[in-house]
Amino acid sequence: MYSTLDGAKARAKELKRLFDDSGFHVPLHRCQTAVANAGGFQDWHDLQANLRTGSRSQDGDAYRRRLLAALPPACRGPLAEAWNPDPDAEDPPGDGIPPNFFRDVMPYVFATEVLHRTQTPLIRPGSGTGQRLRQAMVCGVLMNIHGGHQRTPTLDPETLALDYPGDIASVFRSEAKHPRFARELAVLTEAGVLEVIDDRQRGPAIRVLAPVGLPDELARQAVLDVEYAVQVNDFEADDYTEGRVTRTIHEALLALGVDDTVKVAEAIRAQHAPEYVTPSGAMLELLRGFALEGRVRAFAHGYRMFSVIHRLNATFVAAQAPAMIGHYLAAHHGVSDQAWAQWLKRHPDWGGQLRETLADPARFEGFVSTTAAALEAGESEAA
């Protein structure tokens, strides 16, 4: 948030440092544009023209909402962590690695490797002569199969591509000496899997382009990480494994772009808290708050994490979702009690259909959006 030109410049530089610390490649001019949009300006030039000789007050909540909207979804995790830092965050790795690289970029590396290895036709077994070399060139770079020193990649949050700094010989190492290397590099480049770049400012690099379905794979792996942490904690519960479950929930929610990750993790871990009349009272309170705030996707992601850890209570919590979304529709789409009652009467299966979508946040968000549009259209016709 800012009110002056100097303040806006400071916010843009802070945003650039935040993404640098994550291992994201976001140029300063892109950060300036986002900061300008978040302040209600068309672009950085518009901001400069209006603030050069004056100031403008800002609403903090509106600024954050607009900043999130002005940046790619991948940026939500680092921003959420900056706004709601985890008090139990692990120490930075050191050795020249960006402080938050393993939290913010490494999940993309793992998900990219899995998808290219299992779904990219040129890399999957049976794809013809050179398959093993092509797999080593792509998956080997991603997983550092040769070991030893390898500079960490940067993530482009717009395209989700990973840039490995260095020339062909230093990035591909022994594969670059293979007699078929040049031919297979051309094949992978033409197919949109790899790209050799030479940026004027950043120098040479090998770009691994994002495979189809990367955000979905990232979400799948985040949920698996939580499931594994829960299993370990169930087997050998102690302070460390308990803390690791909370931390893994937090990291998974960051990967999914959910705000208030600490709050969500605490609500999930507060199952059976004595201050609530129902065992899942903390989660129900959190979801009601998300609904009233209009945070539909956060609602679904919070429920999804809860259902992974507390499977036996998930059905009970899901049963409360239709009523909560009813309050959301009233608060954010002006749906009257009468219109809502008529809607439920005409669509008796709506509640069940809503509950079925809860396991898929994108589908849930779409279902709620479709419902809101239909209700608004009905209200207009009635008027």
Protein backbone atom coordinates (compact mmCIF):
# COMPACT_ATOMS: atom_id res chain seq x y z
CA MET A 1 0.00 0.00 0.00
CA TYR A 2 1.21 3.53 -0.75
CA SER A 3 0.00 7.11 -1.05
CA THR A 4 2.92 8.84 -2.77
CA LEU A 5 5.13 8.25 -5.81
CA ASP A 6 8.11 7.41 -3.58
CA GLY A 7 5.92 4.95 -1.71
CA ALA A 8 4.84 3.31 -4.97
CA LYS A 9 8.46 2.98 -6.08
CA ALA A 10 9.34 1.37 -2.75
CA ARG A 11 6.44 -1.10 -3.03
CA ALA A 12 7.51 -2.13 -6.55
CA LYS A 13 11.09 -2.75 -5.42
CA GLU A 14 9.85 -4.72 -2.38
CA LEU A 15 7.69 -6.83 -4.67
CA LYS A 16 10.67 -7.50 -6.93
CA ARG A 17 12.78 -8.59 -3.94
CA LEU A 18 9.98 -10.83 -2.71
CA PHE A 19 9.83 -12.68 -6.03
CA ASP A 20 13.62 -12.82 -6.28
CA ASP A 21 13.69 -14.50 -2.86
CA SER A 22 11.29 -17.13 -4.18
CA GLY A 23 13.27 -17.79 -7.35
CA PHE A 24 10.63 -16.19 -9.58
CA HIS A 25 11.64 -14.12 -12.59
CA VAL A 26 9.43 -11.02 -12.47
CA PRO A 27 11.05 -7.91 -14.04
CA LEU A 28 10.83 -4.63 -12.17
CA HIS A 29 8.59 -3.08 -14.85
CA ARG A 30 6.11 -5.94 -14.32
CA CYS A 31 6.14 -5.29 -10.57
CA GLN A 32 5.58 -1.57 -11.22
CA THR A 33 2.57 -2.32 -13.40
CA ALA A 34 1.10 -4.61 -10.74
CA VAL A 35 1.63 -2.02 -8.02
CA ALA A 36 -0.01 0.63 -10.20
CA ASN A 37 -3.01 -1.60 -10.93
CA ALA A 38 -3.31 -2.45 -7.24
CA GLY A 39 -3.50 1.26 -6.48
CA GLY A 40 -6.29 1.77 -8.98
CA PHE A 41 -4.15 3.19 -11.80
CA GLN A 42 -4.15 2.03 -15.40
CA ASP A 43 -0.37 1.57 -15.55
CA TRP A 44 2.88 2.95 -14.13
CA HIS A 45 2.77 6.06 -16.35
CA ASP A 46 -0.74 6.82 -15.12
CA LEU A 47 0.45 6.39 -11.54
CA GLN A 48 3.40 8.75 -12.07
CA ALA A 49 1.22 11.38 -13.69
CA ASN A 50 -1.22 11.36 -10.78
CA LEU A 51 1.20 11.04 -7.86
CA ARG A 52 4.14 13.14 -9.04
CA THR A 53 2.77 16.27 -7.38
CA GLY A 54 0.29 14.82 -4.92
CA SER A 55 -0.82 11.83 -2.90
CA ARG A 56 -3.77 9.48 -2.74
CA SER A 57 -5.07 7.46 0.20
CA GLN A 58 -5.31 3.68 -0.23
CA ASP A 59 -7.52 1.00 1.27
CA GLY A 60 -5.31 -1.88 2.39
CA ASP A 61 -7.75 -4.71 1.68
CA ALA A 62 -8.65 -3.35 -1.76
CA TYR A 63 -4.97 -2.90 -2.57
CA ARG A 64 -4.21 -6.54 -1.76
CA ARG A 65 -7.18 -7.83 -3.74
CA ARG A 66 -6.20 -5.81 -6.80
CA LEU A 67 -2.53 -6.81 -6.46
CA LEU A 68 -3.47 -10.49 -6.49
CA ALA A 69 -5.67 -9.89 -9.54
CA ALA A 70 -2.86 -8.02 -11.33
CA LEU A 71 -0.37 -10.89 -10.99
CA PRO A 72 -0.39 -14.49 -12.28
CA PRO A 73 -1.88 -17.15 -9.95
CA ALA A 74 1.59 -18.57 -9.23
CA CYS A 75 2.45 -15.33 -7.40
CA ARG A 76 -0.27 -15.83 -4.81
CA GLY A 77 1.81 -18.20 -2.71
CA PRO A 78 4.76 -15.86 -2.07
CA LEU A 79 2.37 -12.97 -1.44
CA ALA A 80 0.27 -15.00 0.99
CA GLU A 81 3.39 -16.02 2.91
CA ALA A 82 4.60 -12.41 3.02
CA TRP A 83 1.25 -11.19 4.35
CA ASN A 84 0.77 -14.09 6.78
CA PRO A 85 4.23 -15.45 7.59
CA ASP A 86 4.50 -18.90 9.09
CA PRO A 87 6.14 -18.58 12.53
CA ASP A 88 7.60 -22.09 12.16
CA ALA A 89 9.11 -21.57 8.70
CA GLU A 90 12.32 -23.43 8.05
CA ASP A 91 15.65 -21.64 7.82
CA PRO A 92 16.85 -20.42 4.38
CA PRO A 93 19.02 -22.96 2.51
CA GLY A 94 22.02 -20.68 1.90
CA ASP A 95 24.71 -21.50 -0.70
CA GLY A 96 23.40 -18.81 -3.05
CA ILE A 97 19.97 -20.47 -3.32
CA PRO A 98 17.02 -18.04 -3.06
CA PRO A 99 15.67 -18.20 0.52
CA ASN A 100 12.23 -19.50 -0.48
CA PHE A 101 13.25 -21.55 -3.53
CA PHE A 102 12.36 -24.95 -2.09
CA ARG A 103 8.98 -23.73 -0.90
CA ASP A 104 7.94 -21.76 -3.98
CA VAL A 105 9.76 -23.18 -7.03
CA MET A 106 10.68 -26.77 -6.23
CA PRO A 107 7.04 -27.97 -6.36
CA TYR A 108 6.91 -26.72 -9.97
CA VAL A 109 10.14 -28.59 -10.76
CA PHE A 110 8.74 -31.87 -9.40
CA ALA A 111 5.35 -31.46 -11.10
CA THR A 112 6.96 -30.50 -14.42
CA GLU A 113 9.21 -33.57 -14.32
CA VAL A 114 6.31 -35.92 -13.56
CA LEU A 115 4.14 -34.58 -16.37
CA HIS A 116 6.88 -34.52 -19.01
CA ARG A 117 8.03 -38.04 -18.08
CA THR A 118 4.52 -39.53 -18.08
CA GLN A 119 2.61 -37.47 -20.65
CA THR A 120 4.90 -35.75 -23.15
CA PRO A 121 4.82 -38.04 -26.23
CA LEU A 122 8.47 -37.53 -27.21
CA ILE A 123 9.68 -38.53 -23.75
CA ARG A 124 7.43 -41.45 -22.89
CA PRO A 125 8.80 -44.98 -23.51
CA GLY A 126 7.90 -46.26 -26.95
CA SER A 127 8.28 -42.86 -28.61
CA GLY A 128 10.98 -44.13 -30.96
CA THR A 129 14.71 -43.82 -31.45
CA GLY A 130 16.33 -41.36 -29.06
CA GLN A 131 13.66 -41.67 -26.34
CA ARG A 132 16.13 -42.31 -23.53
CA LEU A 133 18.30 -39.40 -24.60
CA ARG A 134 15.29 -37.08 -24.84
CA GLN A 135 14.13 -38.18 -21.39
CA ALA A 136 17.58 -37.56 -19.93
CA MET A 137 17.76 -34.15 -21.58
CA VAL A 138 14.47 -33.01 -20.04
CA CYS A 139 13.92 -35.01 -16.85
CA GLY A 140 17.64 -35.25 -16.17
CA VAL A 141 17.99 -31.49 -16.10
CA LEU A 142 14.90 -31.12 -13.90
CA MET A 143 16.05 -33.75 -11.38
CA ASN A 144 19.81 -33.10 -11.63
CA ILE A 145 20.57 -36.78 -12.37
CA HIS A 146 24.29 -36.09 -12.62
CA GLY A 147 24.47 -34.67 -9.11
CA GLY A 148 27.04 -32.12 -8.10
CA HIS A 149 26.64 -28.40 -8.61
CA GLN A 150 23.72 -27.22 -10.69
CA ARG A 151 22.48 -23.65 -10.55
CA THR A 152 18.89 -23.36 -9.44
CA PRO A 153 16.29 -22.50 -12.09
CA THR A 154 14.03 -19.49 -12.06
CA LEU A 155 10.29 -19.78 -12.60
CA ASP A 156 8.39 -17.49 -14.93
CA PRO A 157 5.04 -17.16 -13.10
CA GLU A 158 3.30 -16.09 -16.32
CA THR A 159 4.19 -19.17 -18.40
CA LEU A 160 5.38 -21.52 -15.59
CA ALA A 161 8.53 -22.21 -17.64
CA LEU A 162 11.76 -23.01 -15.77
CA ASP A 163 15.01 -21.35 -16.88
CA TYR A 164 18.27 -23.15 -16.04
CA PRO A 165 21.12 -20.63 -16.33
CA GLY A 166 24.16 -21.65 -18.36
CA ASP A 167 25.13 -22.71 -21.84
CA ILE A 168 24.28 -26.04 -23.48
CA ALA A 169 27.40 -27.83 -22.24
CA SER A 170 27.04 -26.74 -18.61
CA VAL A 171 23.31 -27.51 -18.36
CA PHE A 172 23.10 -30.80 -20.29
CA ARG A 173 26.60 -32.00 -19.35
CA SER A 174 27.26 -35.55 -20.64
CA GLU A 175 24.11 -35.59 -22.82
CA ALA A 176 25.55 -32.69 -24.82
CA LYS A 177 28.35 -35.00 -26.01
CA HIS A 178 25.97 -37.64 -27.41
CA PRO A 179 26.16 -37.99 -31.22
CA ARG A 180 22.37 -37.53 -31.52
CA PHE A 181 22.20 -34.58 -29.12
CA ALA A 182 21.83 -31.78 -31.69
CA ARG A 183 19.13 -33.69 -33.55
CA GLU A 184 17.11 -34.46 -30.41
CA LEU A 185 17.49 -30.90 -29.12
CA ALA A 186 15.99 -29.65 -32.39
CA VAL A 187 13.13 -32.15 -32.05
CA LEU A 188 12.36 -31.11 -28.46
CA THR A 189 12.61 -27.45 -29.37
CA GLU A 190 10.20 -27.80 -32.28
CA ALA A 191 7.77 -29.70 -30.03
CA GLY A 192 7.75 -26.87 -27.47
CA VAL A 193 9.43 -28.83 -24.70
CA LEU A 194 12.82 -27.08 -24.54
CA GLU A 195 14.16 -23.74 -25.68
CA VAL A 196 17.70 -22.39 -25.83
CA ILE A 197 17.72 -18.71 -24.92
CA ASP A 198 20.34 -16.00 -24.62
CA ASP A 199 18.91 -13.09 -22.70
CA ARG A 200 20.83 -9.83 -23.07
CA GLN A 201 20.66 -9.14 -19.34
CA ARG A 202 20.44 -12.61 -17.79
CA GLY A 203 22.76 -14.48 -20.13
CA PRO A 204 22.33 -17.95 -21.70
CA ALA A 205 19.87 -20.47 -20.29
CA ILE A 206 17.94 -23.62 -21.13
CA ARG A 207 14.20 -23.20 -20.76
CA VAL A 208 11.99 -26.16 -19.89
CA LEU A 209 8.52 -25.16 -20.98
CA ALA A 210 5.51 -26.02 -18.84
CA PRO A 211 3.60 -29.19 -19.75
CA VAL A 212 -0.17 -29.23 -20.09
CA GLY A 213 -1.98 -29.59 -16.77
CA LEU A 214 0.82 -28.27 -14.56
CA PRO A 215 -1.41 -26.39 -12.05
CA ASP A 216 -3.56 -29.50 -11.55
CA GLU A 217 -0.49 -31.69 -11.02
CA LEU A 218 0.87 -29.16 -8.55
CA ALA A 219 -2.38 -29.36 -6.58
CA ARG A 220 -2.32 -33.17 -6.68
CA GLN A 221 1.21 -33.33 -5.32
CA ALA A 222 0.41 -30.79 -2.61
CA VAL A 223 -2.45 -32.97 -1.37
CA LEU A 224 -0.24 -36.08 -1.50
CA ASP A 225 2.39 -34.31 0.62
CA VAL A 226 -0.25 -33.57 3.26
CA GLU A 227 -1.52 -37.16 3.19
CA TYR A 228 2.00 -38.47 3.70
CA ALA A 229 2.70 -36.10 6.60
CA VAL A 230 -0.54 -37.20 8.27
CA GLN A 231 0.37 -40.88 7.85
CA VAL A 232 3.79 -40.31 9.41
CA ASN A 233 2.22 -38.42 12.30
CA ASP A 234 -0.33 -41.18 12.88
CA PHE A 235 2.48 -43.73 13.03
CA GLU A 236 4.93 -41.86 15.26
CA ALA A 237 3.22 -38.83 16.73
CA ASP A 238 5.46 -36.34 18.48
CA ASP A 239 6.02 -32.58 18.50
CA TYR A 240 8.09 -32.73 15.32
CA THR A 241 5.61 -34.75 13.25
CA GLU A 242 2.72 -32.64 14.59
CA GLY A 243 4.54 -29.50 13.53
CA ARG A 244 5.40 -31.04 10.18
CA VAL A 245 1.71 -31.70 9.44
CA THR A 246 0.87 -28.05 10.12
CA ARG A 247 3.83 -26.88 8.04
CA THR A 248 2.90 -29.19 5.14
CA ILE A 249 -0.69 -27.94 5.16
CA HIS A 250 0.67 -24.40 5.08
CA GLU A 251 3.02 -25.16 2.15
CA ALA A 252 0.27 -26.99 0.25
CA LEU A 253 -2.09 -24.05 0.60
CA LEU A 254 0.66 -21.69 -0.56
CA ALA A 255 1.15 -23.88 -3.64
CA LEU A 256 -2.58 -23.72 -4.26
CA GLY A 257 -2.60 -19.92 -3.95
CA VAL A 258 -4.73 -19.71 -0.82
CA ASP A 259 -4.44 -16.70 1.50
CA ASP A 260 -4.46 -16.96 5.31
CA THR A 261 -2.62 -20.26 5.17
CA VAL A 262 -1.68 -20.18 8.85
CA LYS A 263 -5.31 -19.57 9.80
CA VAL A 264 -6.49 -22.48 7.64
CA ALA A 265 -3.82 -24.81 9.03
CA GLU A 266 -4.73 -23.87 12.58
CA ALA A 267 -8.44 -24.47 11.94
CA ILE A 268 -7.70 -27.91 10.49
CA ARG A 269 -5.45 -28.81 13.43
CA ALA A 270 -8.04 -27.50 15.94
CA GLN A 271 -10.31 -30.51 15.44
CA HIS A 272 -12.02 -31.39 18.76
CA ALA A 273 -11.06 -28.01 20.25
CA PRO A 274 -13.05 -27.69 23.54
CA GLU A 275 -14.36 -24.18 22.80
CA TYR A 276 -16.65 -25.49 20.03
CA VAL A 277 -19.84 -27.52 20.47
CA THR A 278 -19.00 -29.73 17.49
CA PRO A 279 -15.63 -31.44 16.81
CA SER A 280 -15.29 -29.58 13.50
CA GLY A 281 -16.33 -26.23 14.89
CA ALA A 282 -13.08 -24.45 14.04
CA MET A 283 -13.28 -25.47 10.38
CA LEU A 284 -16.97 -24.57 10.14
CA GLU A 285 -16.23 -21.13 11.56
CA LEU A 286 -13.40 -20.64 9.05
CA LEU A 287 -15.53 -21.70 6.08
CA ARG A 288 -18.41 -19.46 7.14
CA GLY A 289 -15.97 -16.57 7.22
CA PHE A 290 -14.63 -17.41 3.75
CA ALA A 291 -18.19 -17.57 2.39
CA LEU A 292 -19.17 -14.21 3.86
CA GLU A 293 -15.93 -12.66 2.54
CA GLY A 294 -16.64 -14.02 -0.95
CA ARG A 295 -13.56 -16.24 -1.03
CA VAL A 296 -15.11 -19.19 -2.82
CA ARG A 297 -11.94 -20.91 -4.01
CA ALA A 298 -10.29 -20.55 -0.59
CA PHE A 299 -13.46 -22.14 0.82
CA ALA A 300 -13.02 -25.19 -1.43
CA HIS A 301 -9.27 -25.50 -0.86
CA GLY A 302 -9.73 -25.25 2.90
CA TYR A 303 -12.35 -27.99 2.83
CA ARG A 304 -10.17 -30.15 0.59
CA MET A 305 -7.24 -29.98 3.01
CA PHE A 306 -9.59 -30.70 5.92
CA SER A 307 -11.06 -33.76 4.17
CA VAL A 308 -7.58 -35.21 3.60
CA ILE A 309 -6.79 -35.12 7.31
CA HIS A 310 -10.21 -35.64 8.89
CA ARG A 311 -11.93 -37.98 6.45
CA LEU A 312 -14.52 -39.17 8.98
CA ASN A 313 -15.70 -35.61 9.63
CA ALA A 314 -15.58 -34.40 6.03
CA THR A 315 -19.13 -35.48 5.21
CA PHE A 316 -20.51 -33.55 8.18
CA VAL A 317 -18.65 -30.38 7.18
CA ALA A 318 -19.65 -30.75 3.52
CA ALA A 319 -23.30 -30.96 4.57
CA GLN A 320 -23.07 -27.40 5.90
CA ALA A 321 -21.62 -26.03 2.65
CA PRO A 322 -24.93 -25.34 0.80
CA ALA A 323 -26.20 -23.10 3.59
CA MET A 324 -22.88 -21.24 3.75
CA ILE A 325 -22.91 -20.66 -0.01
CA GLY A 326 -26.48 -19.44 0.34
CA HIS A 327 -25.19 -16.73 2.70
CA TYR A 328 -22.43 -15.94 0.18
CA LEU A 329 -24.99 -15.49 -2.62
CA ALA A 330 -27.05 -13.16 -0.45
CA ALA A 331 -24.07 -11.08 0.65
CA HIS A 332 -22.23 -10.80 -2.67
CA HIS A 333 -24.91 -11.23 -5.35
CA GLY A 334 -27.92 -9.66 -3.66
CA VAL A 335 -29.99 -12.85 -3.77
CA SER A 336 -33.10 -12.38 -1.63
CA ASP A 337 -34.40 -15.00 0.79
CA GLN A 338 -37.49 -15.42 -1.38
CA ALA A 339 -35.49 -15.97 -4.57
CA TRP A 340 -33.21 -18.40 -2.77
CA ALA A 341 -36.13 -20.42 -1.40
CA GLN A 342 -37.71 -20.59 -4.86
CA TRP A 343 -34.39 -21.65 -6.40
CA LEU A 344 -33.98 -24.54 -3.95
CA LYS A 345 -37.57 -25.60 -4.58
CA ARG A 346 -36.99 -25.67 -8.36
CA HIS A 347 -33.57 -27.35 -7.95
CA PRO A 348 -33.93 -29.89 -5.14
CA ASP A 349 -30.67 -31.62 -6.12
CA TRP A 350 -28.61 -28.41 -6.01
CA GLY A 351 -27.17 -29.05 -2.55
CA GLY A 352 -26.00 -32.53 -3.49
CA GLN A 353 -24.46 -31.27 -6.72
CA LEU A 354 -22.61 -28.55 -4.80
CA ARG A 355 -21.20 -31.07 -2.33
CA GLU A 356 -19.99 -33.27 -5.19
CA THR A 357 -17.89 -30.40 -6.58
CA LEU A 358 -16.17 -29.62 -3.26
CA ALA A 359 -13.31 -32.04 -3.97
CA ASP A 360 -12.37 -30.00 -7.06
CA PRO A 361 -11.91 -26.30 -6.16
CA ALA A 362 -11.98 -25.06 -9.77
CA ARG A 363 -15.16 -27.03 -10.48
CA PHE A 364 -16.69 -25.83 -7.19
CA GLU A 365 -15.92 -22.20 -8.03
CA GLY A 366 -17.44 -22.63 -11.48
CA PHE A 367 -20.57 -24.27 -10.08
CA VAL A 368 -21.10 -21.45 -7.58
CA SER A 369 -20.47 -18.83 -10.27
CA THR A 370 -23.00 -20.48 -12.60
CA THR A 371 -25.55 -20.59 -9.79
CA ALA A 372 -25.00 -16.91 -8.99
CA ALA A 373 -25.41 -15.90 -12.65
CA ALA A 374 -28.64 -17.90 -12.98
CA LEU A 375 -30.05 -16.38 -9.80
CA GLU A 376 -29.13 -12.86 -10.86
CA ALA A 377 -30.75 -13.43 -14.23
CA GLY A 378 -33.90 -14.67 -12.48
CA GLU A 379 -33.96 -11.63 -10.21
CA SER A 380 -33.66 -9.33 -13.24
CA GLU A 381 -36.51 -11.07 -15.02
CA ALA A 382 -38.67 -10.84 -11.92
CA ALA A 383 -37.97 -7.12 -11.63
